[in-house]
Amino acid sequence: MKPPVGEAAMDEERGTRLLNSLPAIYRAADESGQLCALLGAFEAILLESDDPKAPAIAQQIDALPALFAPLGAGLPGHPQARTPDRFLPWLAQWVAFEPYRLFSGDRLRTIIGGMVVLHGRRGTRRYLIELLKLCFDGIDEIRIDENPVHGFTIGLARLGQDSVLIREAPYCFRIEIAPGSASSELQHEPWQSLEQRVRAVVDFAKPAHTVYDLVLRRGTTNAKETATP
């Protein structure tokens, strides 16, 4: 029983791509079309598959750039293709972002997408500031004091808290973060959760030999200062 004309034409067209790549002696000898039909099966496996659940090898290779594009690869025919959610944790480790477990999938896409260009500045003040802005949307201000005053300073010391003689604090810096008023995520997140996430990012980004004091501020009167861990 012969296949319908449409199916025969489709099979012949599918095998033609590989058949045309063979030497002319093989193409001329295939008068019955058997070789073309055989090559059609290889094309379905290697070049193009009509089943989205079982893509051909060439289609899988074409999709590889999307695995490494958390914000979208802009592939021809697949402009919305991007890293699958299940692949984000591995990709975060691939760019050496250790606190990835503390962030949502959408935020993690932004972090991974912006970290590569920051890598050459790791360990610097600029790196820490830009990474914090990547991790937390809506931060109004970040201040880093690389020579914080520890001890009795007129106008700054608080009686019974830090009113002691001045002391040296080598390799110590102070970081103060003020979320913007429009950032509902940071404004309403519990202090403990917010401090945990901020500390995880700072610990990851700072030079290993340094320590720091952290101040989280919401508005002008709602602030929390935490001691050096």
C-alpha atoms as a PDB file:
ATOM      1  CA  MET A   1       0.000   0.000   0.000  1.00  0.00           C
ATOM      2  CA  LYS A   2       1.431   3.312  -1.053  1.00  0.00           C
ATOM      3  CA  PRO A   3       1.382   6.270   1.379  1.00  0.00           C
ATOM      4  CA  PRO A   4      -0.758   9.287   0.502  1.00  0.00           C
ATOM      5  CA  VAL A   5       0.823  11.783  -1.873  1.00  0.00           C
ATOM      6  CA  GLY A   6       1.227  14.404   0.869  1.00  0.00           C
ATOM      7  CA  GLU A   7       3.077  12.034   3.215  1.00  0.00           C
ATOM      8  CA  ALA A   8       5.324  10.761   0.402  1.00  0.00           C
ATOM      9  CA  ALA A   9       6.201  14.314  -0.561  1.00  0.00           C
ATOM     10  CA  MET A  10       6.974  15.194   3.058  1.00  0.00           C
ATOM     11  CA  ASP A  11       9.231  12.129   3.488  1.00  0.00           C
ATOM     12  CA  GLU A  12      11.030  12.888   0.265  1.00  0.00           C
ATOM     13  CA  GLU A  13      11.545  16.530   1.256  1.00  0.00           C
ATOM     14  CA  ARG A  14      12.822  15.549   4.698  1.00  0.00           C
ATOM     15  CA  GLY A  15      15.506  13.217   3.329  1.00  0.00           C
ATOM     16  CA  THR A  16      16.583  15.612   0.594  1.00  0.00           C
ATOM     17  CA  ARG A  17      18.802  17.749   2.837  1.00  0.00           C
ATOM     18  CA  LEU A  18      21.166  14.925   3.732  1.00  0.00           C
ATOM     19  CA  LEU A  19      20.889  13.321   0.303  1.00  0.00           C
ATOM     20  CA  ASN A  20      22.058  16.530  -1.365  1.00  0.00           C
ATOM     21  CA  SER A  21      25.146  16.454   0.854  1.00  0.00           C
ATOM     22  CA  LEU A  22      26.242  13.104  -0.548  1.00  0.00           C
ATOM     23  CA  PRO A  23      28.447  12.675  -3.643  1.00  0.00           C
ATOM     24  CA  ALA A  24      26.600  12.760  -6.961  1.00  0.00           C
ATOM     25  CA  ILE A  25      27.138   9.037  -7.548  1.00  0.00           C
ATOM     26  CA  TYR A  26      24.922   8.202  -4.553  1.00  0.00           C
ATOM     27  CA  ARG A  27      22.238  10.707  -5.492  1.00  0.00           C
ATOM     28  CA  ALA A  28      22.054   9.375  -9.058  1.00  0.00           C
ATOM     29  CA  ALA A  29      21.780   5.781  -7.840  1.00  0.00           C
ATOM     30  CA  ASP A  30      18.783   6.478  -5.619  1.00  0.00           C
ATOM     31  CA  GLU A  31      16.102   6.152  -8.281  1.00  0.00           C
ATOM     32  CA  SER A  32      13.715   4.300  -5.975  1.00  0.00           C
ATOM     33  CA  GLY A  33      13.978   6.884  -3.211  1.00  0.00           C
ATOM     34  CA  GLN A  34      14.892   4.294  -0.576  1.00  0.00           C
ATOM     35  CA  LEU A  35      18.089   6.088   0.416  1.00  0.00           C
ATOM     36  CA  CYS A  36      16.225   9.371   0.685  1.00  0.00           C
ATOM     37  CA  ALA A  37      13.634   7.736   2.942  1.00  0.00           C
ATOM     38  CA  LEU A  38      16.387   6.292   5.149  1.00  0.00           C
ATOM     39  CA  LEU A  39      18.098   9.654   5.419  1.00  0.00           C
ATOM     40  CA  GLY A  40      14.764  11.225   6.340  1.00  0.00           C
ATOM     41  CA  ALA A  41      14.787   9.247   9.589  1.00  0.00           C
ATOM     42  CA  PHE A  42      18.246  10.566  10.412  1.00  0.00           C
ATOM     43  CA  GLU A  43      17.120  14.121   9.650  1.00  0.00           C
ATOM     44  CA  ALA A  44      14.242  13.765  12.103  1.00  0.00           C
ATOM     45  CA  ILE A  45      16.741  12.784  14.824  1.00  0.00           C
ATOM     46  CA  LEU A  46      19.630  15.083  13.920  1.00  0.00           C
ATOM     47  CA  LEU A  47      18.191  18.186  12.265  1.00  0.00           C
ATOM     48  CA  GLU A  48      14.518  18.826  12.804  1.00  0.00           C
ATOM     49  CA  SER A  49      11.742  17.196  14.791  1.00  0.00           C
ATOM     50  CA  ASP A  50       8.040  18.008  14.739  1.00  0.00           C
ATOM     51  CA  ASP A  51       7.643  16.797  18.334  1.00  0.00           C
ATOM     52  CA  PRO A  52       8.389  19.588  20.866  1.00  0.00           C
ATOM     53  CA  LYS A  53       8.810  16.967  23.613  1.00  0.00           C
ATOM     54  CA  ALA A  54      11.545  15.203  21.626  1.00  0.00           C
ATOM     55  CA  PRO A  55      13.495  17.922  19.768  1.00  0.00           C
ATOM     56  CA  ALA A  56      16.188  16.961  17.298  1.00  0.00           C
ATOM     57  CA  ILE A  57      19.849  17.206  18.303  1.00  0.00           C
ATOM     58  CA  ALA A  58      20.382  20.338  16.197  1.00  0.00           C
ATOM     59  CA  GLN A  59      17.361  21.970  17.847  1.00  0.00           C
ATOM     60  CA  GLN A  60      18.727  21.154  21.290  1.00  0.00           C
ATOM     61  CA  ILE A  61      22.080  22.697  20.337  1.00  0.00           C
ATOM     62  CA  ASP A  62      20.339  25.828  19.049  1.00  0.00           C
ATOM     63  CA  ALA A  63      18.545  26.136  22.406  1.00  0.00           C
ATOM     64  CA  LEU A  64      21.761  26.021  24.478  1.00  0.00           C
ATOM     65  CA  PRO A  65      22.268  29.834  24.577  1.00  0.00           C
ATOM     66  CA  ALA A  66      18.925  30.193  26.346  1.00  0.00           C
ATOM     67  CA  LEU A  67      20.202  28.067  29.255  1.00  0.00           C
ATOM     68  CA  PHE A  68      22.783  30.751  29.999  1.00  0.00           C
ATOM     69  CA  ALA A  69      20.487  33.771  29.474  1.00  0.00           C
ATOM     70  CA  PRO A  70      18.467  34.425  32.657  1.00  0.00           C
ATOM     71  CA  LEU A  71      16.937  37.585  31.166  1.00  0.00           C
ATOM     72  CA  GLY A  72      16.308  36.107  27.706  1.00  0.00           C
ATOM     73  CA  ALA A  73      18.530  35.138  24.789  1.00  0.00           C
ATOM     74  CA  GLY A  74      16.521  36.728  21.967  1.00  0.00           C
ATOM     75  CA  LEU A  75      16.957  33.675  19.741  1.00  0.00           C
ATOM     76  CA  PRO A  76      15.509  33.836  16.209  1.00  0.00           C
ATOM     77  CA  GLY A  77      12.060  32.332  16.336  1.00  0.00           C
ATOM     78  CA  HIS A  78      12.218  32.136  20.149  1.00  0.00           C
ATOM     79  CA  PRO A  79      12.562  35.750  21.397  1.00  0.00           C
ATOM     80  CA  GLN A  80      11.217  34.847  24.862  1.00  0.00           C
ATOM     81  CA  ALA A  81      13.574  31.898  25.418  1.00  0.00           C
ATOM     82  CA  ARG A  82      15.464  32.147  28.709  1.00  0.00           C
ATOM     83  CA  THR A  83      16.993  30.035  31.457  1.00  0.00           C
ATOM     84  CA  PRO A  84      14.440  27.575  32.918  1.00  0.00           C
ATOM     85  CA  ASP A  85      13.614  28.142  36.587  1.00  0.00           C
ATOM     86  CA  ARG A  86      15.062  24.752  37.577  1.00  0.00           C
ATOM     87  CA  PHE A  87      18.411  25.763  36.029  1.00  0.00           C
ATOM     88  CA  LEU A  88      18.782  29.065  37.940  1.00  0.00           C
ATOM     89  CA  PRO A  89      20.407  27.641  41.121  1.00  0.00           C
ATOM     90  CA  TRP A  90      23.154  25.954  39.095  1.00  0.00           C
ATOM     91  CA  LEU A  91      23.697  29.086  37.016  1.00  0.00           C
ATOM     92  CA  ALA A  92      23.956  31.162  40.213  1.00  0.00           C
ATOM     93  CA  GLN A  93      26.712  28.861  41.448  1.00  0.00           C
ATOM     94  CA  TRP A  94      28.363  29.046  38.046  1.00  0.00           C
ATOM     95  CA  VAL A  95      28.810  32.818  38.546  1.00  0.00           C
ATOM     96  CA  ALA A  96      29.836  32.155  42.192  1.00  0.00           C
ATOM     97  CA  PHE A  97      26.821  33.823  43.839  1.00  0.00           C
ATOM     98  CA  GLU A  98      26.613  31.862  47.081  1.00  0.00           C
ATOM     99  CA  PRO A  99      23.509  33.430  48.766  1.00  0.00           C
ATOM    100  CA  TYR A 100      21.217  32.447  45.876  1.00  0.00           C
ATOM    101  CA  ARG A 101      18.894  30.465  48.172  1.00  0.00           C
ATOM    102  CA  LEU A 102      17.706  33.692  49.859  1.00  0.00           C
ATOM    103  CA  PHE A 103      16.277  35.255  46.691  1.00  0.00           C
ATOM    104  CA  SER A 104      13.254  34.623  44.511  1.00  0.00           C
ATOM    105  CA  GLY A 105      13.552  33.351  40.951  1.00  0.00           C
ATOM    106  CA  ASP A 106      12.801  36.717  39.334  1.00  0.00           C
ATOM    107  CA  ARG A 107      15.317  38.540  41.545  1.00  0.00           C
ATOM    108  CA  LEU A 108      17.888  35.812  40.932  1.00  0.00           C
ATOM    109  CA  ARG A 109      17.571  36.372  37.177  1.00  0.00           C
ATOM    110  CA  THR A 110      18.446  40.047  37.646  1.00  0.00           C
ATOM    111  CA  ILE A 111      21.382  39.237  39.923  1.00  0.00           C
ATOM    112  CA  ILE A 112      22.887  36.622  37.606  1.00  0.00           C
ATOM    113  CA  GLY A 113      22.369  38.842  34.566  1.00  0.00           C
ATOM    114  CA  GLY A 114      24.288  41.718  36.157  1.00  0.00           C
ATOM    115  CA  MET A 115      27.008  39.881  38.088  1.00  0.00           C
ATOM    116  CA  VAL A 116      29.302  38.986  35.209  1.00  0.00           C
ATOM    117  CA  VAL A 117      30.178  42.599  34.382  1.00  0.00           C
ATOM    118  CA  LEU A 118      30.848  43.278  38.084  1.00  0.00           C
ATOM    119  CA  HIS A 119      33.224  40.360  38.619  1.00  0.00           C
ATOM    120  CA  GLY A 120      36.374  42.319  37.742  1.00  0.00           C
ATOM    121  CA  ARG A 121      35.629  44.812  40.541  1.00  0.00           C
ATOM    122  CA  ARG A 122      35.053  42.225  43.274  1.00  0.00           C
ATOM    123  CA  GLY A 123      36.366  43.271  46.675  1.00  0.00           C
ATOM    124  CA  THR A 124      35.921  47.004  46.049  1.00  0.00           C
ATOM    125  CA  ARG A 125      33.486  49.555  47.440  1.00  0.00           C
ATOM    126  CA  ARG A 126      31.855  49.972  44.029  1.00  0.00           C
ATOM    127  CA  TYR A 127      31.317  46.232  43.685  1.00  0.00           C
ATOM    128  CA  LEU A 128      29.571  46.000  47.053  1.00  0.00           C
ATOM    129  CA  ILE A 129      27.284  48.963  46.317  1.00  0.00           C
ATOM    130  CA  GLU A 130      26.284  47.778  42.851  1.00  0.00           C
ATOM    131  CA  LEU A 131      25.730  44.205  44.010  1.00  0.00           C
ATOM    132  CA  LEU A 132      23.456  45.354  46.836  1.00  0.00           C
ATOM    133  CA  LYS A 133      21.411  47.384  44.347  1.00  0.00           C
ATOM    134  CA  LEU A 134      21.121  44.295  42.144  1.00  0.00           C
ATOM    135  CA  CYS A 135      19.955  42.173  45.048  1.00  0.00           C
ATOM    136  CA  PHE A 136      17.514  44.636  46.618  1.00  0.00           C
ATOM    137  CA  ASP A 137      15.257  46.737  44.449  1.00  0.00           C
ATOM    138  CA  GLY A 138      14.398  50.216  45.680  1.00  0.00           C
ATOM    139  CA  ILE A 139      17.423  50.989  47.883  1.00  0.00           C
ATOM    140  CA  ASP A 140      17.468  54.760  48.317  1.00  0.00           C
ATOM    141  CA  GLU A 141      20.969  55.172  49.707  1.00  0.00           C
ATOM    142  CA  ILE A 142      24.056  53.129  50.577  1.00  0.00           C
ATOM    143  CA  ARG A 143      26.845  54.674  52.622  1.00  0.00           C
ATOM    144  CA  ILE A 144      30.162  52.966  53.270  1.00  0.00           C
ATOM    145  CA  ASP A 145      32.596  54.454  55.776  1.00  0.00           C
ATOM    146  CA  GLU A 146      35.987  52.769  55.513  1.00  0.00           C
ATOM    147  CA  ASN A 147      37.315  54.577  58.608  1.00  0.00           C
ATOM    148  CA  PRO A 148      34.440  54.554  61.118  1.00  0.00           C
ATOM    149  CA  VAL A 149      34.917  56.343  64.434  1.00  0.00           C
ATOM    150  CA  HIS A 150      34.734  54.015  67.436  1.00  0.00           C
ATOM    151  CA  GLY A 151      34.803  55.734  70.783  1.00  0.00           C
ATOM    152  CA  PHE A 152      34.024  59.070  72.447  1.00  0.00           C
ATOM    153  CA  THR A 153      33.354  61.799  69.875  1.00  0.00           C
ATOM    154  CA  ILE A 154      31.606  65.019  70.895  1.00  0.00           C
ATOM    155  CA  GLY A 155      28.291  65.328  69.132  1.00  0.00           C
ATOM    156  CA  LEU A 156      28.272  61.697  68.017  1.00  0.00           C
ATOM    157  CA  ALA A 157      28.846  59.536  71.105  1.00  0.00           C
ATOM    158  CA  ARG A 158      25.826  58.085  72.926  1.00  0.00           C
ATOM    159  CA  LEU A 159      26.083  58.022  76.701  1.00  0.00           C
ATOM    160  CA  GLY A 160      26.387  54.492  78.021  1.00  0.00           C
ATOM    161  CA  GLN A 161      26.561  52.942  74.542  1.00  0.00           C
ATOM    162  CA  ASP A 162      29.702  54.069  72.756  1.00  0.00           C
ATOM    163  CA  SER A 163      31.027  56.816  75.029  1.00  0.00           C
ATOM    164  CA  VAL A 164      34.411  55.137  75.536  1.00  0.00           C
ATOM    165  CA  LEU A 165      37.933  56.169  74.708  1.00  0.00           C
ATOM    166  CA  ILE A 166      38.761  56.023  71.031  1.00  0.00           C
ATOM    167  CA  ARG A 167      40.045  52.673  69.873  1.00  0.00           C
ATOM    168  CA  GLU A 168      41.606  51.441  66.682  1.00  0.00           C
ATOM    169  CA  ALA A 169      39.564  49.221  64.378  1.00  0.00           C
ATOM    170  CA  PRO A 170      41.784  48.051  61.529  1.00  0.00           C
ATOM    171  CA  TYR A 171      40.129  46.429  58.501  1.00  0.00           C
ATOM    172  CA  CYS A 172      36.707  47.526  59.725  1.00  0.00           C
ATOM    173  CA  PHE A 173      34.115  49.472  57.776  1.00  0.00           C
ATOM    174  CA  ARG A 174      30.601  50.683  58.440  1.00  0.00           C
ATOM    175  CA  ILE A 175      27.772  50.247  55.937  1.00  0.00           C
ATOM    176  CA  GLU A 176      24.455  52.065  56.197  1.00  0.00           C
ATOM    177  CA  ILE A 177      21.530  51.108  53.956  1.00  0.00           C
ATOM    178  CA  ALA A 178      18.305  53.078  53.566  1.00  0.00           C
ATOM    179  CA  PRO A 179      15.556  51.474  51.455  1.00  0.00           C
ATOM    180  CA  GLY A 180      13.476  53.911  49.407  1.00  0.00           C
ATOM    181  CA  SER A 181       9.926  54.725  50.453  1.00  0.00           C
ATOM    182  CA  ALA A 182       8.527  53.145  47.272  1.00  0.00           C
ATOM    183  CA  SER A 183      10.103  49.756  47.977  1.00  0.00           C
ATOM    184  CA  SER A 184       7.267  47.830  49.617  1.00  0.00           C
ATOM    185  CA  GLU A 185       9.320  44.628  49.678  1.00  0.00           C
ATOM    186  CA  LEU A 186      12.051  46.071  51.890  1.00  0.00           C
ATOM    187  CA  GLN A 187       9.800  48.385  53.871  1.00  0.00           C
ATOM    188  CA  HIS A 188       7.569  45.549  55.094  1.00  0.00           C
ATOM    189  CA  GLU A 189      10.058  42.686  55.305  1.00  0.00           C
ATOM    190  CA  PRO A 190      10.760  41.677  58.931  1.00  0.00           C
ATOM    191  CA  TRP A 191      14.011  43.060  60.355  1.00  0.00           C
ATOM    192  CA  GLN A 192      15.482  39.619  61.012  1.00  0.00           C
ATOM    193  CA  SER A 193      14.831  38.387  57.478  1.00  0.00           C
ATOM    194  CA  LEU A 194      16.092  41.604  55.887  1.00  0.00           C
ATOM    195  CA  GLU A 195      19.251  41.629  58.025  1.00  0.00           C
ATOM    196  CA  GLN A 196      19.940  37.971  57.198  1.00  0.00           C
ATOM    197  CA  ARG A 197      19.755  38.606  53.456  1.00  0.00           C
ATOM    198  CA  VAL A 198      21.764  41.838  53.560  1.00  0.00           C
ATOM    199  CA  ARG A 199      24.471  40.234  55.687  1.00  0.00           C
ATOM    200  CA  ALA A 200      24.652  37.257  53.345  1.00  0.00           C
ATOM    201  CA  VAL A 201      25.338  39.581  50.402  1.00  0.00           C
ATOM    202  CA  VAL A 202      27.851  41.726  52.306  1.00  0.00           C
ATOM    203  CA  ASP A 203      29.691  38.659  53.645  1.00  0.00           C
ATOM    204  CA  PHE A 204      29.869  37.317  50.104  1.00  0.00           C
ATOM    205  CA  ALA A 205      31.112  40.573  48.540  1.00  0.00           C
ATOM    206  CA  LYS A 206      33.503  41.993  51.145  1.00  0.00           C
ATOM    207  CA  PRO A 207      37.244  41.177  51.320  1.00  0.00           C
ATOM    208  CA  ALA A 208      37.757  38.128  53.529  1.00  0.00           C
ATOM    209  CA  HIS A 209      40.028  39.899  56.049  1.00  0.00           C
ATOM    210  CA  THR A 210      37.549  42.703  56.871  1.00  0.00           C
ATOM    211  CA  VAL A 211      34.752  43.102  59.416  1.00  0.00           C
ATOM    212  CA  TYR A 212      31.897  45.573  59.388  1.00  0.00           C
ATOM    213  CA  ASP A 213      29.092  47.269  61.304  1.00  0.00           C
ATOM    214  CA  LEU A 214      25.705  47.239  59.597  1.00  0.00           C
ATOM    215  CA  VAL A 215      22.971  49.869  59.922  1.00  0.00           C
ATOM    216  CA  LEU A 216      19.575  49.302  58.313  1.00  0.00           C
ATOM    217  CA  ARG A 217      17.400  52.405  58.189  1.00  0.00           C
ATOM    218  CA  ARG A 218      13.748  52.843  57.307  1.00  0.00           C
ATOM    219  CA  GLY A 219      12.832  56.509  57.308  1.00  0.00           C
ATOM    220  CA  THR A 220      14.543  59.008  59.606  1.00  0.00           C
ATOM    221  CA  THR A 221      13.557  57.517  62.974  1.00  0.00           C
ATOM    222  CA  ASN A 222      13.290  53.789  62.293  1.00  0.00           C
ATOM    223  CA  ALA A 223      16.818  52.405  62.237  1.00  0.00           C
ATOM    224  CA  LYS A 224      18.502  49.289  63.492  1.00  0.00           C
ATOM    225  CA  GLU A 225      22.210  48.984  64.070  1.00  0.00           C
ATOM    226  CA  THR A 226      23.728  45.553  64.398  1.00  0.00           C
ATOM    227  CA  ALA A 227      27.090  44.700  65.854  1.00  0.00           C
ATOM    228  CA  THR A 228      29.920  43.188  63.896  1.00  0.00           C
ATOM    229  CA  PRO A 229      29.314  39.417  63.612  1.00  0.00           C
END
